[in-house]
Amino acid sequence: KSALLLRFADDTFSENYITTIGVDFRFKTLKVDNKGLKLQIWDTAGQERFRTITNAYYKGADAIVIVYDTTCQQSFDDIEKFWLNEIESYAEKNAELLFLGNKSDLSTKQVQSERVQEYAQKRNMM
């Protein structure tokens, strides 16, 4: 998640992995239909021990991107097991949800795209 945030917001990439502790955030300004759009993007820690901290950041979010690791089936399974319950409990009811598979360039893919698409369609997600 952190690598995606840094690439999108700052156009940087690092091979060095640093675990997010609590939360990190960035701003990104885009132009959509000739209007300025300022995004505030929060990167929350994925570890269970930080879950009580990250719950507060769902409130008021217009969109939530759920990132899973395509090389790790457990990463995708945790969406159903933990993350969707958290989001349903703490996020705004009209917040858009988006699945995003990370590390899809690696050959050790464990999560099949078709399964993700089926799952997202069942839950009216993008």
N, C-alpha and C. Protein backbone atom coordinates (compact mmCIF):
# COMPACT_ATOMS: atom_id res chain seq x y z
N LYS A 1 0.82 -1.19 0.00
CA LYS A 1 0.00 0.00 0.00
C LYS A 1 0.86 1.25 0.00
N SER A 2 1.88 1.23 0.80
CA SER A 2 2.74 2.41 0.92
C SER A 2 3.42 2.72 -0.41
N ALA A 3 3.87 1.70 -1.12
CA ALA A 3 4.53 1.92 -2.41
C ALA A 3 3.55 2.53 -3.41
N LEU A 4 2.30 2.10 -3.39
CA LEU A 4 1.29 2.68 -4.27
C LEU A 4 1.06 4.15 -3.94
N LEU A 5 0.96 4.45 -2.66
CA LEU A 5 0.74 5.83 -2.24
C LEU A 5 1.89 6.72 -2.70
N LEU A 6 3.11 6.28 -2.47
CA LEU A 6 4.28 7.09 -2.84
C LEU A 6 4.38 7.26 -4.35
N ARG A 7 4.08 6.22 -5.10
CA ARG A 7 4.13 6.31 -6.56
C ARG A 7 3.07 7.28 -7.08
N PHE A 8 1.86 7.16 -6.57
CA PHE A 8 0.76 8.00 -7.03
C PHE A 8 0.93 9.46 -6.60
N ALA A 9 1.23 9.68 -5.34
CA ALA A 9 1.28 11.05 -4.82
C ALA A 9 2.59 11.77 -5.12
N ASP A 10 3.71 11.06 -5.02
CA ASP A 10 5.02 11.71 -5.15
C ASP A 10 5.80 11.28 -6.39
N ASP A 11 5.27 10.31 -7.13
CA ASP A 11 5.94 9.75 -8.30
C ASP A 11 7.33 9.23 -7.95
N THR A 12 7.42 8.52 -6.82
CA THR A 12 8.68 7.90 -6.40
C THR A 12 8.44 6.42 -6.14
N PHE A 13 9.52 5.66 -6.17
CA PHE A 13 9.44 4.23 -5.87
C PHE A 13 10.71 3.82 -5.14
N SER A 14 10.55 2.96 -4.15
CA SER A 14 11.69 2.45 -3.41
C SER A 14 11.57 0.94 -3.27
N GLU A 15 12.66 0.26 -3.45
CA GLU A 15 12.69 -1.19 -3.24
C GLU A 15 12.65 -1.54 -1.76
N ASN A 16 13.02 -0.60 -0.92
CA ASN A 16 13.07 -0.84 0.53
C ASN A 16 11.67 -0.76 1.11
N TYR A 17 11.28 -1.79 1.82
CA TYR A 17 9.96 -1.87 2.42
C TYR A 17 10.01 -1.38 3.86
N ILE A 18 9.19 -0.40 4.17
CA ILE A 18 9.08 0.10 5.54
C ILE A 18 7.64 -0.07 5.98
N THR A 19 7.42 -0.80 7.05
CA THR A 19 6.08 -1.03 7.56
C THR A 19 5.47 0.26 8.08
N THR A 20 4.24 0.53 7.66
CA THR A 20 3.53 1.71 8.16
C THR A 20 3.13 1.46 9.60
N ILE A 21 3.44 2.40 10.47
CA ILE A 21 3.04 2.31 11.87
C ILE A 21 1.95 3.34 12.07
N GLY A 22 0.74 2.88 12.37
CA GLY A 22 -0.39 3.79 12.50
C GLY A 22 -0.89 4.20 11.15
N VAL A 23 -0.60 5.45 10.75
CA VAL A 23 -1.06 5.95 9.45
C VAL A 23 -0.01 6.87 8.82
N ASP A 24 -0.10 6.99 7.51
CA ASP A 24 0.68 7.96 6.76
C ASP A 24 -0.30 8.60 5.79
N PHE A 25 -0.02 9.80 5.32
CA PHE A 25 -0.92 10.39 4.34
C PHE A 25 -0.17 11.30 3.40
N ARG A 26 -0.78 11.54 2.25
CA ARG A 26 -0.25 12.43 1.22
C ARG A 26 -1.42 13.20 0.60
N PHE A 27 -1.08 14.31 -0.03
CA PHE A 27 -2.05 15.07 -0.82
C PHE A 27 -1.68 14.93 -2.29
N LYS A 28 -2.69 14.92 -3.13
CA LYS A 28 -2.47 14.89 -4.58
C LYS A 28 -3.55 15.75 -5.21
N THR A 29 -3.14 16.67 -6.06
CA THR A 29 -4.09 17.52 -6.76
C THR A 29 -4.18 17.05 -8.21
N LEU A 30 -5.40 16.83 -8.65
CA LEU A 30 -5.66 16.39 -10.02
C LEU A 30 -6.57 17.39 -10.70
N LYS A 31 -6.60 17.34 -12.01
CA LYS A 31 -7.55 18.14 -12.77
C LYS A 31 -8.55 17.17 -13.40
N VAL A 32 -9.82 17.34 -13.07
CA VAL A 32 -10.89 16.51 -13.61
C VAL A 32 -11.95 17.44 -14.19
N ASP A 33 -12.25 17.28 -15.48
CA ASP A 33 -13.22 18.15 -16.15
C ASP A 33 -12.87 19.62 -15.96
N ASN A 34 -11.59 19.94 -16.09
CA ASN A 34 -11.08 21.31 -15.93
C ASN A 34 -11.31 21.90 -14.55
N LYS A 35 -11.51 21.06 -13.56
CA LYS A 35 -11.67 21.52 -12.18
C LYS A 35 -10.58 20.88 -11.33
N GLY A 36 -10.07 21.65 -10.39
CA GLY A 36 -9.07 21.12 -9.47
C GLY A 36 -9.72 20.19 -8.44
N LEU A 37 -9.10 19.07 -8.21
CA LEU A 37 -9.58 18.10 -7.23
C LEU A 37 -8.41 17.77 -6.31
N LYS A 38 -8.56 18.07 -5.03
CA LYS A 38 -7.49 17.79 -4.07
C LYS A 38 -7.85 16.53 -3.29
N LEU A 39 -7.00 15.53 -3.43
CA LEU A 39 -7.20 14.27 -2.72
C LEU A 39 -6.33 14.25 -1.47
N GLN A 40 -6.90 13.76 -0.40
CA GLN A 40 -6.15 13.49 0.82
C GLN A 40 -6.18 11.98 0.95
N ILE A 41 -5.03 11.34 0.82
CA ILE A 41 -4.95 9.88 0.77
C ILE A 41 -4.25 9.37 2.02
N TRP A 42 -4.95 8.48 2.72
CA TRP A 42 -4.43 7.92 3.97
C TRP A 42 -4.00 6.49 3.75
N ASP A 43 -2.83 6.15 4.23
CA ASP A 43 -2.28 4.80 4.19
C ASP A 43 -2.31 4.28 5.62
N THR A 44 -3.23 3.35 5.89
CA THR A 44 -3.35 2.83 7.25
C THR A 44 -2.55 1.55 7.40
N ALA A 45 -2.09 1.29 8.59
CA ALA A 45 -1.32 0.08 8.88
C ALA A 45 -2.20 -1.14 8.69
N GLY A 46 -1.65 -2.19 8.13
CA GLY A 46 -2.41 -3.39 7.87
C GLY A 46 -2.41 -4.39 9.02
N GLN A 47 -1.50 -4.24 9.96
CA GLN A 47 -1.40 -5.21 11.04
C GLN A 47 -2.57 -5.08 12.01
N GLU A 48 -2.99 -6.21 12.53
CA GLU A 48 -4.14 -6.24 13.44
C GLU A 48 -3.94 -5.35 14.66
N ARG A 49 -2.74 -5.23 15.16
CA ARG A 49 -2.51 -4.45 16.38
C ARG A 49 -2.79 -2.96 16.19
N PHE A 50 -2.84 -2.49 14.94
CA PHE A 50 -3.14 -1.08 14.67
C PHE A 50 -4.59 -0.85 14.29
N ARG A 51 -5.39 -1.88 14.28
CA ARG A 51 -6.76 -1.77 13.77
C ARG A 51 -7.59 -0.74 14.54
N THR A 52 -7.43 -0.65 15.85
CA THR A 52 -8.22 0.33 16.61
C THR A 52 -7.83 1.76 16.25
N ILE A 53 -6.60 1.97 15.86
CA ILE A 53 -6.15 3.30 15.45
C ILE A 53 -6.74 3.65 14.09
N THR A 54 -6.71 2.70 13.17
CA THR A 54 -7.12 3.00 11.79
C THR A 54 -8.62 3.13 11.62
N ASN A 55 -9.42 2.60 12.54
CA ASN A 55 -10.88 2.70 12.42
C ASN A 55 -11.35 4.14 12.29
N ALA A 56 -10.72 5.04 12.99
CA ALA A 56 -11.13 6.45 12.98
C ALA A 56 -10.97 7.09 11.61
N TYR A 57 -10.10 6.57 10.77
CA TYR A 57 -9.83 7.19 9.48
C TYR A 57 -10.85 6.82 8.40
N TYR A 58 -11.71 5.86 8.66
CA TYR A 58 -12.76 5.52 7.70
C TYR A 58 -13.86 6.57 7.69
N LYS A 59 -14.14 7.15 8.84
CA LYS A 59 -15.23 8.10 8.97
C LYS A 59 -14.97 9.33 8.11
N GLY A 60 -15.93 9.70 7.31
CA GLY A 60 -15.81 10.86 6.44
C GLY A 60 -15.13 10.59 5.11
N ALA A 61 -14.66 9.37 4.89
CA ALA A 61 -14.00 9.05 3.62
C ALA A 61 -15.04 8.94 2.51
N ASP A 62 -14.76 9.54 1.36
CA ASP A 62 -15.64 9.43 0.20
C ASP A 62 -15.39 8.12 -0.55
N ALA A 63 -14.17 7.62 -0.45
CA ALA A 63 -13.81 6.38 -1.12
C ALA A 63 -12.78 5.63 -0.28
N ILE A 64 -12.84 4.32 -0.38
CA ILE A 64 -11.89 3.47 0.34
C ILE A 64 -11.32 2.47 -0.66
N VAL A 65 -10.00 2.43 -0.76
CA VAL A 65 -9.32 1.49 -1.64
C VAL A 65 -8.79 0.36 -0.78
N ILE A 66 -9.24 -0.84 -1.06
CA ILE A 66 -8.79 -2.02 -0.33
C ILE A 66 -7.71 -2.69 -1.18
N VAL A 67 -6.49 -2.67 -0.69
CA VAL A 67 -5.35 -3.20 -1.44
C VAL A 67 -5.01 -4.59 -0.90
N TYR A 68 -4.89 -5.53 -1.83
CA TYR A 68 -4.47 -6.88 -1.45
C TYR A 68 -3.25 -7.25 -2.28
N ASP A 69 -2.49 -8.20 -1.78
CA ASP A 69 -1.27 -8.68 -2.43
C ASP A 69 -1.65 -9.87 -3.31
N THR A 70 -1.48 -9.76 -4.62
CA THR A 70 -1.88 -10.84 -5.53
C THR A 70 -1.01 -12.09 -5.36
N THR A 71 0.12 -11.96 -4.68
CA THR A 71 0.99 -13.12 -4.47
C THR A 71 0.72 -13.83 -3.14
N CYS A 72 -0.33 -13.39 -2.43
CA CYS A 72 -0.63 -13.94 -1.10
C CYS A 72 -2.14 -14.12 -0.94
N GLN A 73 -2.60 -15.35 -1.00
CA GLN A 73 -4.03 -15.63 -0.87
C GLN A 73 -4.59 -15.11 0.45
N GLN A 74 -3.81 -15.21 1.52
CA GLN A 74 -4.26 -14.75 2.83
C GLN A 74 -4.60 -13.26 2.81
N SER A 75 -3.84 -12.50 2.05
CA SER A 75 -4.10 -11.06 1.92
C SER A 75 -5.51 -10.81 1.39
N PHE A 76 -5.92 -11.57 0.39
CA PHE A 76 -7.27 -11.42 -0.16
C PHE A 76 -8.31 -11.96 0.81
N ASP A 77 -8.03 -13.10 1.44
CA ASP A 77 -8.98 -13.68 2.40
C ASP A 77 -9.24 -12.75 3.57
N ASP A 78 -8.24 -11.98 3.97
CA ASP A 78 -8.40 -11.04 5.09
C ASP A 78 -9.38 -9.91 4.78
N ILE A 79 -9.63 -9.65 3.51
CA ILE A 79 -10.62 -8.63 3.15
C ILE A 79 -11.96 -9.02 3.73
N GLU A 80 -12.38 -10.24 3.49
CA GLU A 80 -13.67 -10.73 4.01
C GLU A 80 -13.60 -10.92 5.52
N LYS A 81 -12.49 -11.46 5.98
CA LYS A 81 -12.36 -11.83 7.39
C LYS A 81 -12.32 -10.62 8.32
N PHE A 82 -11.63 -9.55 7.90
CA PHE A 82 -11.44 -8.40 8.78
C PHE A 82 -11.92 -7.08 8.18
N TRP A 83 -11.38 -6.73 7.03
CA TRP A 83 -11.49 -5.36 6.53
C TRP A 83 -12.91 -4.93 6.20
N LEU A 84 -13.68 -5.77 5.54
CA LEU A 84 -15.04 -5.34 5.19
C LEU A 84 -15.90 -5.12 6.43
N ASN A 85 -15.72 -5.92 7.45
CA ASN A 85 -16.46 -5.71 8.70
C ASN A 85 -16.09 -4.37 9.32
N GLU A 86 -14.80 -4.05 9.31
CA GLU A 86 -14.34 -2.77 9.85
C GLU A 86 -14.93 -1.61 9.06
N ILE A 87 -14.89 -1.72 7.76
CA ILE A 87 -15.40 -0.65 6.91
C ILE A 87 -16.90 -0.47 7.10
N GLU A 88 -17.64 -1.59 7.13
CA GLU A 88 -19.09 -1.50 7.33
C GLU A 88 -19.44 -0.91 8.69
N SER A 89 -18.60 -1.13 9.67
CA SER A 89 -18.86 -0.61 11.02
C SER A 89 -18.52 0.87 11.16
N TYR A 90 -17.48 1.35 10.48
CA TYR A 90 -16.96 2.68 10.75
C TYR A 90 -17.05 3.68 9.60
N ALA A 91 -17.19 3.21 8.37
CA ALA A 91 -17.19 4.13 7.22
C ALA A 91 -18.59 4.67 6.95
N GLU A 92 -18.62 5.75 6.19
CA GLU A 92 -19.90 6.32 5.75
C GLU A 92 -20.58 5.30 4.83
N LYS A 93 -21.89 5.26 4.88
CA LYS A 93 -22.65 4.28 4.10
C LYS A 93 -22.50 4.48 2.60
N ASN A 94 -22.27 5.73 2.16
CA ASN A 94 -22.17 6.00 0.73
C ASN A 94 -20.72 6.02 0.22
N ALA A 95 -19.77 5.61 1.02
CA ALA A 95 -18.37 5.58 0.59
C ALA A 95 -18.19 4.53 -0.51
N GLU A 96 -17.52 4.91 -1.57
CA GLU A 96 -17.23 3.98 -2.66
C GLU A 96 -16.10 3.05 -2.23
N LEU A 97 -16.22 1.77 -2.59
CA LEU A 97 -15.18 0.79 -2.27
C LEU A 97 -14.55 0.29 -3.57
N LEU A 98 -13.25 0.17 -3.55
CA LEU A 98 -12.50 -0.27 -4.72
C LEU A 98 -11.48 -1.31 -4.28
N PHE A 99 -11.43 -2.45 -4.99
CA PHE A 99 -10.39 -3.44 -4.77
C PHE A 99 -9.22 -3.10 -5.68
N LEU A 100 -8.01 -3.26 -5.15
CA LEU A 100 -6.82 -3.01 -5.95
C LEU A 100 -5.80 -4.10 -5.64
N GLY A 101 -5.45 -4.89 -6.65
CA GLY A 101 -4.45 -5.94 -6.49
C GLY A 101 -3.06 -5.39 -6.72
N ASN A 102 -2.18 -5.57 -5.76
CA ASN A 102 -0.81 -5.09 -5.82
C ASN A 102 0.12 -6.25 -6.18
N LYS A 103 1.26 -5.94 -6.74
CA LYS A 103 2.30 -6.92 -7.11
C LYS A 103 1.85 -7.83 -8.25
N SER A 104 0.98 -7.34 -9.11
CA SER A 104 0.47 -8.16 -10.21
C SER A 104 1.54 -8.42 -11.28
N ASP A 105 2.66 -7.72 -11.20
CA ASP A 105 3.75 -7.93 -12.15
C ASP A 105 4.60 -9.16 -11.79
N LEU A 106 4.39 -9.71 -10.61
CA LEU A 106 5.19 -10.86 -10.18
C LEU A 106 4.56 -12.16 -10.67
N SER A 107 5.39 -13.15 -10.94
CA SER A 107 4.91 -14.41 -11.51
C SER A 107 4.33 -15.36 -10.46
N THR A 108 4.43 -15.05 -9.20
CA THR A 108 3.97 -15.93 -8.13
C THR A 108 2.53 -15.62 -7.71
N LYS A 109 1.71 -15.26 -8.66
CA LYS A 109 0.33 -14.86 -8.39
C LYS A 109 -0.47 -16.01 -7.77
N GLN A 110 -1.15 -15.74 -6.66
CA GLN A 110 -2.00 -16.73 -6.00
C GLN A 110 -3.48 -16.36 -6.07
N VAL A 111 -3.78 -15.09 -6.20
CA VAL A 111 -5.17 -14.62 -6.23
C VAL A 111 -5.57 -14.41 -7.68
N GLN A 112 -6.60 -15.14 -8.12
CA GLN A 112 -7.04 -15.06 -9.50
C GLN A 112 -7.96 -13.87 -9.73
N SER A 113 -7.73 -13.14 -10.81
CA SER A 113 -8.51 -11.94 -11.13
C SER A 113 -10.00 -12.23 -11.23
N GLU A 114 -10.35 -13.38 -11.79
CA GLU A 114 -11.76 -13.73 -11.95
C GLU A 114 -12.46 -13.82 -10.59
N ARG A 115 -11.78 -14.39 -9.61
CA ARG A 115 -12.36 -14.51 -8.27
C ARG A 115 -12.60 -13.13 -7.66
N VAL A 116 -11.66 -12.24 -7.85
CA VAL A 116 -11.78 -10.88 -7.32
C VAL A 116 -12.95 -10.17 -8.00
N GLN A 117 -13.06 -10.30 -9.32
CA GLN A 117 -14.16 -9.66 -10.05
C GLN A 117 -15.52 -10.17 -9.59
N GLU A 118 -15.64 -11.48 -9.43
CA GLU A 118 -16.89 -12.06 -8.94
C GLU A 118 -17.24 -11.52 -7.55
N TYR A 119 -16.26 -11.50 -6.70
CA TYR A 119 -16.46 -11.04 -5.33
C TYR A 119 -16.89 -9.57 -5.30
N ALA A 120 -16.22 -8.75 -6.09
CA ALA A 120 -16.54 -7.32 -6.15
C ALA A 120 -17.95 -7.10 -6.70
N GLN A 121 -18.33 -7.85 -7.70
CA GLN A 121 -19.67 -7.70 -8.28
C GLN A 121 -20.75 -8.08 -7.27
N LYS A 122 -20.53 -9.13 -6.51
CA LYS A 122 -21.50 -9.55 -5.49
C LYS A 122 -21.73 -8.46 -4.45
N ARG A 123 -20.68 -7.69 -4.16
CA ARG A 123 -20.76 -6.67 -3.12
C ARG A 123 -20.90 -5.25 -3.69
N ASN A 124 -21.19 -5.16 -4.99
CA ASN A 124 -21.36 -3.86 -5.66
C ASN A 124 -20.15 -2.95 -5.49
N MET A 125 -18.98 -3.52 -5.68
CA MET A 125 -17.74 -2.76 -5.57
C MET A 125 -17.13 -2.60 -6.96
N MET A 126 -16.17 -1.69 -7.05
CA MET A 126 -15.45 -1.48 -8.31
C MET A 126 -14.27 -2.42 -8.38
